[in-house]
Amino acid sequence: MTTAGGEELPKKLQLYSFFMSSASFRVRIALNLKGLDYEYKAINLFKKEQHSPEFLKINPIGYVPALVDGDIVLADSFAIILYLEEKYPQHPLLPHDLEKRAINYQAANIISSSIQPLISLPILQYIGENVGPDAKIPWIQKHVGKGFAALEKLLKDHAGKFATGDEIFLADLFLAPQIIGLTQRFNYDMTEFPLLSRLSEAYKQVPAIQGAMPDKQPDFPIN
């Protein structure tokens, strides 16, 4: 696309996403916080569109999200968010303080490495098919409880209005989808985690998070 003067306009960012994916949710929050316009390209995980030849050209491992920024194609939510942070400096997602920055990395990694992969859709489907449907909830409670307990301890001396102070940073981008998704999908009991419960309520008041919610996405099922 070009302007009236013949200058080529920059291509709009493209986000390959699934409404229910917590990893996609993280990236949507980052894009909203930075005020970046993007084209939403839905990948239906229930219909296994992530394994289609077309999508595998975008992300060979077949996961969402994936981001296309001109000639740059990125997959993995952590890599995408850090790329956005470096290219688009508005609304920084990392604090200047080195210790708080490290806490943000640690909290994000607890979620992305020790919680979310263990309760992902393929894992829960495998447990349901090979162990039994009744085994899903105890599995979720075990691994989420362990991760959330660690996060409560990690953040107790750093939290303000949000996870590491009074600004939304990287840790919040990972925490908000995980907590909100678990409470909405599984009615997860957060009684043991007062700090995370308080953060969850604060997240629901943030416009950038509200706009990234699963039910606000174009692929959210009407019925």
C-alpha atoms as a PDB file:
ATOM      1  CA  MET A   1       0.000   0.000   0.000  1.00  0.00           C
ATOM      2  CA  THR A   2       1.264   3.472  -0.858  1.00  0.00           C
ATOM      3  CA  THR A   3       0.347   7.032   0.044  1.00  0.00           C
ATOM      4  CA  ALA A   4      -0.970   9.625  -2.421  1.00  0.00           C
ATOM      5  CA  GLY A   5       2.624  10.809  -2.766  1.00  0.00           C
ATOM      6  CA  GLY A   6       3.779   7.357  -3.790  1.00  0.00           C
ATOM      7  CA  GLU A   7       5.465   6.530  -0.479  1.00  0.00           C
ATOM      8  CA  GLU A   8       5.073   2.979   0.729  1.00  0.00           C
ATOM      9  CA  LEU A   9       3.254   2.677   4.041  1.00  0.00           C
ATOM     10  CA  PRO A  10       4.608   0.276   6.657  1.00  0.00           C
ATOM     11  CA  LYS A  11       2.756  -3.017   6.748  1.00  0.00           C
ATOM     12  CA  LYS A  12       0.418  -3.549   9.688  1.00  0.00           C
ATOM     13  CA  LEU A  13       1.575  -6.028  12.306  1.00  0.00           C
ATOM     14  CA  GLN A  14      -0.098  -9.428  12.013  1.00  0.00           C
ATOM     15  CA  LEU A  15      -0.810 -11.516  15.098  1.00  0.00           C
ATOM     16  CA  TYR A  16      -1.666 -15.188  14.706  1.00  0.00           C
ATOM     17  CA  SER A  17      -3.726 -15.860  17.803  1.00  0.00           C
ATOM     18  CA  PHE A  18      -6.366 -18.030  19.439  1.00  0.00           C
ATOM     19  CA  PHE A  19      -8.842 -16.372  21.774  1.00  0.00           C
ATOM     20  CA  MET A  20      -8.311 -18.905  24.591  1.00  0.00           C
ATOM     21  CA  SER A  21      -4.515 -19.093  24.387  1.00  0.00           C
ATOM     22  CA  SER A  22      -2.873 -17.498  27.442  1.00  0.00           C
ATOM     23  CA  ALA A  23       0.348 -17.065  25.469  1.00  0.00           C
ATOM     24  CA  SER A  24      -1.544 -15.122  22.792  1.00  0.00           C
ATOM     25  CA  PHE A  25      -3.294 -13.150  25.545  1.00  0.00           C
ATOM     26  CA  ARG A  26       0.123 -11.958  26.828  1.00  0.00           C
ATOM     27  CA  VAL A  27       1.100 -10.608  23.444  1.00  0.00           C
ATOM     28  CA  ARG A  28      -2.263  -8.919  22.938  1.00  0.00           C
ATOM     29  CA  ILE A  29      -1.746  -7.059  26.219  1.00  0.00           C
ATOM     30  CA  ALA A  30       1.724  -5.939  25.128  1.00  0.00           C
ATOM     31  CA  LEU A  31       0.413  -4.687  21.779  1.00  0.00           C
ATOM     32  CA  ASN A  32      -2.406  -2.814  23.508  1.00  0.00           C
ATOM     33  CA  LEU A  33      -0.127  -1.236  26.100  1.00  0.00           C
ATOM     34  CA  LYS A  34       2.188   0.007  23.381  1.00  0.00           C
ATOM     35  CA  GLY A  35      -0.726   1.287  21.325  1.00  0.00           C
ATOM     36  CA  LEU A  36       0.183  -0.814  18.293  1.00  0.00           C
ATOM     37  CA  ASP A  37      -2.417  -1.497  15.634  1.00  0.00           C
ATOM     38  CA  TYR A  38      -2.405  -5.044  14.297  1.00  0.00           C
ATOM     39  CA  GLU A  39      -4.329  -7.473  12.149  1.00  0.00           C
ATOM     40  CA  TYR A  40      -5.791 -10.402  14.070  1.00  0.00           C
ATOM     41  CA  LYS A  41      -5.371 -13.717  12.270  1.00  0.00           C
ATOM     42  CA  ALA A  42      -7.295 -16.445  14.065  1.00  0.00           C
ATOM     43  CA  ILE A  43      -5.861 -19.945  14.384  1.00  0.00           C
ATOM     44  CA  ASN A  44      -8.449 -22.365  15.761  1.00  0.00           C
ATOM     45  CA  LEU A  45      -6.636 -24.842  17.994  1.00  0.00           C
ATOM     46  CA  PHE A  46      -9.766 -26.968  18.416  1.00  0.00           C
ATOM     47  CA  LYS A  47      -9.829 -27.488  14.653  1.00  0.00           C
ATOM     48  CA  LYS A  48      -6.057 -28.117  14.662  1.00  0.00           C
ATOM     49  CA  GLU A  49      -5.393 -25.220  12.286  1.00  0.00           C
ATOM     50  CA  GLN A  50      -2.032 -24.809  13.996  1.00  0.00           C
ATOM     51  CA  HIS A  51      -0.896 -27.930  12.145  1.00  0.00           C
ATOM     52  CA  SER A  52      -1.927 -26.695   8.702  1.00  0.00           C
ATOM     53  CA  PRO A  53       0.857 -26.354   6.100  1.00  0.00           C
ATOM     54  CA  GLU A  54       0.098 -22.635   5.816  1.00  0.00           C
ATOM     55  CA  PHE A  55       0.594 -21.955   9.517  1.00  0.00           C
ATOM     56  CA  LEU A  56       3.607 -24.251   9.818  1.00  0.00           C
ATOM     57  CA  LYS A  57       5.355 -21.954   7.350  1.00  0.00           C
ATOM     58  CA  ILE A  58       4.845 -19.175   9.926  1.00  0.00           C
ATOM     59  CA  ASN A  59       5.750 -21.259  12.979  1.00  0.00           C
ATOM     60  CA  PRO A  60       7.201 -24.726  12.266  1.00  0.00           C
ATOM     61  CA  ILE A  61       6.506 -25.987  15.797  1.00  0.00           C
ATOM     62  CA  GLY A  62       2.794 -25.278  15.345  1.00  0.00           C
ATOM     63  CA  TYR A  63       2.057 -23.086  18.371  1.00  0.00           C
ATOM     64  CA  VAL A  64       0.373 -19.727  18.790  1.00  0.00           C
ATOM     65  CA  PRO A  65       1.077 -16.883  18.999  1.00  0.00           C
ATOM     66  CA  ALA A  66       3.158 -15.808  16.036  1.00  0.00           C
ATOM     67  CA  LEU A  67       3.861 -12.249  14.951  1.00  0.00           C
ATOM     68  CA  VAL A  68       4.673 -10.916  11.498  1.00  0.00           C
ATOM     69  CA  ASP A  69       6.266  -7.473  11.377  1.00  0.00           C
ATOM     70  CA  GLY A  70       7.126  -6.747   7.758  1.00  0.00           C
ATOM     71  CA  ASP A  71       9.832  -9.255   6.812  1.00  0.00           C
ATOM     72  CA  ILE A  72      10.313 -10.399  10.414  1.00  0.00           C
ATOM     73  CA  VAL A  73       8.433 -13.487  11.577  1.00  0.00           C
ATOM     74  CA  LEU A  74       8.537 -14.397  15.271  1.00  0.00           C
ATOM     75  CA  ALA A  75       6.957 -17.123  17.359  1.00  0.00           C
ATOM     76  CA  ASP A  76       6.993 -17.712  21.141  1.00  0.00           C
ATOM     77  CA  SER A  77       5.317 -15.133  23.329  1.00  0.00           C
ATOM     78  CA  PHE A  78       8.446 -14.306  25.343  1.00  0.00           C
ATOM     79  CA  ALA A  79      10.479 -13.609  22.199  1.00  0.00           C
ATOM     80  CA  ILE A  80       7.652 -11.569  20.674  1.00  0.00           C
ATOM     81  CA  ILE A  81       7.186  -9.413  23.779  1.00  0.00           C
ATOM     82  CA  LEU A  82      10.912  -8.698  24.123  1.00  0.00           C
ATOM     83  CA  TYR A  83      11.071  -7.844  20.419  1.00  0.00           C
ATOM     84  CA  LEU A  84       8.178  -5.419  20.802  1.00  0.00           C
ATOM     85  CA  GLU A  85       9.888  -3.926  23.847  1.00  0.00           C
ATOM     86  CA  GLU A  86      13.081  -3.240  21.935  1.00  0.00           C
ATOM     87  CA  LYS A  87      11.506  -1.965  18.729  1.00  0.00           C
ATOM     88  CA  TYR A  88       8.626   0.031  20.196  1.00  0.00           C
ATOM     89  CA  PRO A  89       9.862   1.882  23.317  1.00  0.00           C
ATOM     90  CA  GLN A  90       6.527   3.491  24.263  1.00  0.00           C
ATOM     91  CA  HIS A  91       5.168   2.188  27.576  1.00  0.00           C
ATOM     92  CA  PRO A  92       8.263   0.232  28.716  1.00  0.00           C
ATOM     93  CA  LEU A  93       7.532  -3.322  29.824  1.00  0.00           C
ATOM     94  CA  LEU A  94      10.675  -3.644  31.936  1.00  0.00           C
ATOM     95  CA  PRO A  95      11.627  -1.450  34.914  1.00  0.00           C
ATOM     96  CA  HIS A  96      14.968   0.388  35.000  1.00  0.00           C
ATOM     97  CA  ASP A  97      15.837  -1.084  38.406  1.00  0.00           C
ATOM     98  CA  LEU A  98      17.998  -4.169  37.813  1.00  0.00           C
ATOM     99  CA  GLU A  99      16.593  -6.186  40.720  1.00  0.00           C
ATOM    100  CA  LYS A 100      12.977  -5.521  39.721  1.00  0.00           C
ATOM    101  CA  ARG A 101      13.846  -6.356  36.119  1.00  0.00           C
ATOM    102  CA  ALA A 102      15.249  -9.705  37.253  1.00  0.00           C
ATOM    103  CA  ILE A 103      12.119 -10.376  39.335  1.00  0.00           C
ATOM    104  CA  ASN A 104      10.023  -9.722  36.227  1.00  0.00           C
ATOM    105  CA  TYR A 105      12.063 -12.225  34.231  1.00  0.00           C
ATOM    106  CA  GLN A 106      11.781 -14.796  37.003  1.00  0.00           C
ATOM    107  CA  ALA A 107       8.016 -14.414  37.441  1.00  0.00           C
ATOM    108  CA  ALA A 108       7.438 -14.593  33.688  1.00  0.00           C
ATOM    109  CA  ASN A 109       9.564 -17.733  33.464  1.00  0.00           C
ATOM    110  CA  ILE A 110       7.739 -19.461  36.316  1.00  0.00           C
ATOM    111  CA  ILE A 111       4.538 -19.055  34.324  1.00  0.00           C
ATOM    112  CA  SER A 112       5.917 -19.752  30.854  1.00  0.00           C
ATOM    113  CA  SER A 113       8.092 -22.718  31.902  1.00  0.00           C
ATOM    114  CA  SER A 114       6.601 -24.244  35.054  1.00  0.00           C
ATOM    115  CA  ILE A 115       2.843 -23.618  34.855  1.00  0.00           C
ATOM    116  CA  GLN A 116       1.412 -22.942  31.407  1.00  0.00           C
ATOM    117  CA  PRO A 117       3.105 -25.799  29.465  1.00  0.00           C
ATOM    118  CA  LEU A 118       1.904 -28.341  32.025  1.00  0.00           C
ATOM    119  CA  ILE A 119      -1.743 -27.302  31.687  1.00  0.00           C
ATOM    120  CA  SER A 120      -1.785 -26.580  27.967  1.00  0.00           C
ATOM    121  CA  LEU A 121      -4.559 -27.943  25.747  1.00  0.00           C
ATOM    122  CA  PRO A 122      -2.468 -30.839  24.285  1.00  0.00           C
ATOM    123  CA  ILE A 123      -1.363 -31.975  27.757  1.00  0.00           C
ATOM    124  CA  LEU A 124      -4.891 -31.890  29.173  1.00  0.00           C
ATOM    125  CA  GLN A 125      -6.210 -33.732  26.118  1.00  0.00           C
ATOM    126  CA  TYR A 126      -3.532 -36.399  26.547  1.00  0.00           C
ATOM    127  CA  ILE A 127      -4.379 -36.845  30.245  1.00  0.00           C
ATOM    128  CA  GLY A 128      -8.081 -37.051  29.472  1.00  0.00           C
ATOM    129  CA  GLU A 129      -7.566 -39.674  26.772  1.00  0.00           C
ATOM    130  CA  ASN A 130      -4.880 -41.798  28.456  1.00  0.00           C
ATOM    131  CA  VAL A 131      -5.515 -41.408  32.195  1.00  0.00           C
ATOM    132  CA  GLY A 132      -9.135 -40.297  32.378  1.00  0.00           C
ATOM    133  CA  PRO A 133     -11.195 -37.086  32.379  1.00  0.00           C
ATOM    134  CA  ASP A 134     -11.301 -37.044  36.186  1.00  0.00           C
ATOM    135  CA  ALA A 135      -7.502 -36.758  36.319  1.00  0.00           C
ATOM    136  CA  LYS A 136      -7.404 -33.308  34.704  1.00  0.00           C
ATOM    137  CA  ILE A 137      -8.453 -31.183  37.667  1.00  0.00           C
ATOM    138  CA  PRO A 138      -6.064 -32.792  40.216  1.00  0.00           C
ATOM    139  CA  TRP A 139      -3.255 -32.331  37.668  1.00  0.00           C
ATOM    140  CA  ILE A 140      -4.105 -28.658  37.229  1.00  0.00           C
ATOM    141  CA  GLN A 141      -4.390 -28.095  40.991  1.00  0.00           C
ATOM    142  CA  LYS A 142      -1.016 -29.714  41.655  1.00  0.00           C
ATOM    143  CA  HIS A 143       1.029 -27.800  39.104  1.00  0.00           C
ATOM    144  CA  VAL A 144      -0.774 -24.476  39.330  1.00  0.00           C
ATOM    145  CA  GLY A 145      -0.673 -24.594  43.137  1.00  0.00           C
ATOM    146  CA  LYS A 146       3.078 -25.182  43.137  1.00  0.00           C
ATOM    147  CA  GLY A 147       3.693 -22.327  40.689  1.00  0.00           C
ATOM    148  CA  PHE A 148       1.330 -19.871  42.362  1.00  0.00           C
ATOM    149  CA  ALA A 149       2.845 -20.570  45.789  1.00  0.00           C
ATOM    150  CA  ALA A 150       6.277 -19.721  44.372  1.00  0.00           C
ATOM    151  CA  LEU A 151       4.933 -16.523  42.805  1.00  0.00           C
ATOM    152  CA  GLU A 152       3.316 -15.417  46.078  1.00  0.00           C
ATOM    153  CA  LYS A 153       6.694 -15.716  47.839  1.00  0.00           C
ATOM    154  CA  LEU A 154       8.650 -14.142  44.992  1.00  0.00           C
ATOM    155  CA  LEU A 155       6.456 -11.058  44.681  1.00  0.00           C
ATOM    156  CA  LYS A 156       5.522 -10.360  48.308  1.00  0.00           C
ATOM    157  CA  ASP A 157       8.347  -7.849  48.836  1.00  0.00           C
ATOM    158  CA  HIS A 158       8.073  -6.251  45.382  1.00  0.00           C
ATOM    159  CA  ALA A 159       4.385  -5.856  44.616  1.00  0.00           C
ATOM    160  CA  GLY A 160       2.583  -2.531  44.560  1.00  0.00           C
ATOM    161  CA  LYS A 161      -0.622  -1.997  42.684  1.00  0.00           C
ATOM    162  CA  PHE A 162       0.770  -4.571  40.256  1.00  0.00           C
ATOM    163  CA  ALA A 163       3.321  -7.387  40.468  1.00  0.00           C
ATOM    164  CA  THR A 164       6.519  -5.350  40.868  1.00  0.00           C
ATOM    165  CA  GLY A 165       5.257  -1.856  41.611  1.00  0.00           C
ATOM    166  CA  ASP A 166       2.592   0.557  40.461  1.00  0.00           C
ATOM    167  CA  GLU A 167       3.207   0.120  36.727  1.00  0.00           C
ATOM    168  CA  ILE A 168       2.318  -2.773  34.444  1.00  0.00           C
ATOM    169  CA  PHE A 169       5.469  -4.680  33.536  1.00  0.00           C
ATOM    170  CA  LEU A 170       6.492  -7.998  31.992  1.00  0.00           C
ATOM    171  CA  ALA A 171       5.481 -10.121  34.988  1.00  0.00           C
ATOM    172  CA  ASP A 172       1.943  -8.747  34.804  1.00  0.00           C
ATOM    173  CA  LEU A 173       1.646  -9.660  31.124  1.00  0.00           C
ATOM    174  CA  PHE A 174       2.231 -13.285  32.076  1.00  0.00           C
ATOM    175  CA  LEU A 175       0.319 -13.275  35.365  1.00  0.00           C
ATOM    176  CA  ALA A 176      -2.920 -11.696  34.169  1.00  0.00           C
ATOM    177  CA  PRO A 177      -3.786 -14.279  31.466  1.00  0.00           C
ATOM    178  CA  GLN A 178      -2.793 -17.195  33.682  1.00  0.00           C
ATOM    179  CA  ILE A 179      -4.878 -16.145  36.679  1.00  0.00           C
ATOM    180  CA  ILE A 180      -7.859 -14.876  34.692  1.00  0.00           C
ATOM    181  CA  GLY A 181      -7.866 -17.911  32.417  1.00  0.00           C
ATOM    182  CA  LEU A 182      -7.762 -20.396  35.282  1.00  0.00           C
ATOM    183  CA  THR A 183     -10.540 -18.716  37.233  1.00  0.00           C
ATOM    184  CA  GLN A 184     -12.756 -18.405  34.162  1.00  0.00           C
ATOM    185  CA  ARG A 185     -12.156 -21.837  32.628  1.00  0.00           C
ATOM    186  CA  PHE A 186     -11.752 -24.000  35.716  1.00  0.00           C
ATOM    187  CA  ASN A 187     -13.209 -21.860  38.524  1.00  0.00           C
ATOM    188  CA  TYR A 188      -9.817 -22.195  40.187  1.00  0.00           C
ATOM    189  CA  ASP A 189      -9.885 -21.424  43.934  1.00  0.00           C
ATOM    190  CA  MET A 190      -7.467 -18.556  44.659  1.00  0.00           C
ATOM    191  CA  THR A 191      -8.095 -18.455  48.431  1.00  0.00           C
ATOM    192  CA  GLU A 192      -4.550 -19.581  49.257  1.00  0.00           C
ATOM    193  CA  PHE A 193      -3.047 -16.809  47.151  1.00  0.00           C
ATOM    194  CA  PRO A 194      -4.180 -13.422  48.494  1.00  0.00           C
ATOM    195  CA  LEU A 195      -1.531 -11.412  46.646  1.00  0.00           C
ATOM    196  CA  LEU A 196      -2.306 -12.995  43.279  1.00  0.00           C
ATOM    197  CA  SER A 197      -6.034 -12.570  43.963  1.00  0.00           C
ATOM    198  CA  ARG A 198      -5.540  -8.864  44.603  1.00  0.00           C
ATOM    199  CA  LEU A 199      -3.478  -8.503  41.430  1.00  0.00           C
ATOM    200  CA  SER A 200      -6.172 -10.299  39.440  1.00  0.00           C
ATOM    201  CA  GLU A 201      -8.777  -7.731  40.474  1.00  0.00           C
ATOM    202  CA  ALA A 202      -6.402  -4.883  39.596  1.00  0.00           C
ATOM    203  CA  TYR A 203      -5.741  -6.382  36.153  1.00  0.00           C
ATOM    204  CA  LYS A 204      -9.434  -6.442  35.320  1.00  0.00           C
ATOM    205  CA  GLN A 205      -9.532  -2.644  35.601  1.00  0.00           C
ATOM    206  CA  VAL A 206      -6.719  -2.043  33.071  1.00  0.00           C
ATOM    207  CA  PRO A 207      -8.066  -1.084  29.615  1.00  0.00           C
ATOM    208  CA  ALA A 208      -5.179  -2.783  27.773  1.00  0.00           C
ATOM    209  CA  ILE A 209      -5.975  -6.037  29.555  1.00  0.00           C
ATOM    210  CA  GLN A 210      -9.736  -5.638  29.154  1.00  0.00           C
ATOM    211  CA  GLY A 211      -9.262  -5.279  25.394  1.00  0.00           C
ATOM    212  CA  ALA A 212      -7.078  -8.387  25.267  1.00  0.00           C
ATOM    213  CA  MET A 213      -9.594 -10.604  27.102  1.00  0.00           C
ATOM    214  CA  PRO A 214     -10.630 -13.806  25.299  1.00  0.00           C
ATOM    215  CA  ASP A 215     -14.252 -12.701  24.959  1.00  0.00           C
ATOM    216  CA  LYS A 216     -13.176  -9.496  23.178  1.00  0.00           C
ATOM    217  CA  GLN A 217     -11.413 -11.346  20.357  1.00  0.00           C
ATOM    218  CA  PRO A 218     -12.936 -11.787  16.879  1.00  0.00           C
ATOM    219  CA  ASP A 219     -12.670 -15.585  17.088  1.00  0.00           C
ATOM    220  CA  PHE A 220     -14.476 -15.853  20.424  1.00  0.00           C
ATOM    221  CA  PRO A 221     -17.482 -18.137  19.829  1.00  0.00           C
ATOM    222  CA  ILE A 222     -20.809 -16.303  19.942  1.00  0.00           C
ATOM    223  CA  ASN A 223     -22.658 -19.337  21.295  1.00  0.00           C
END
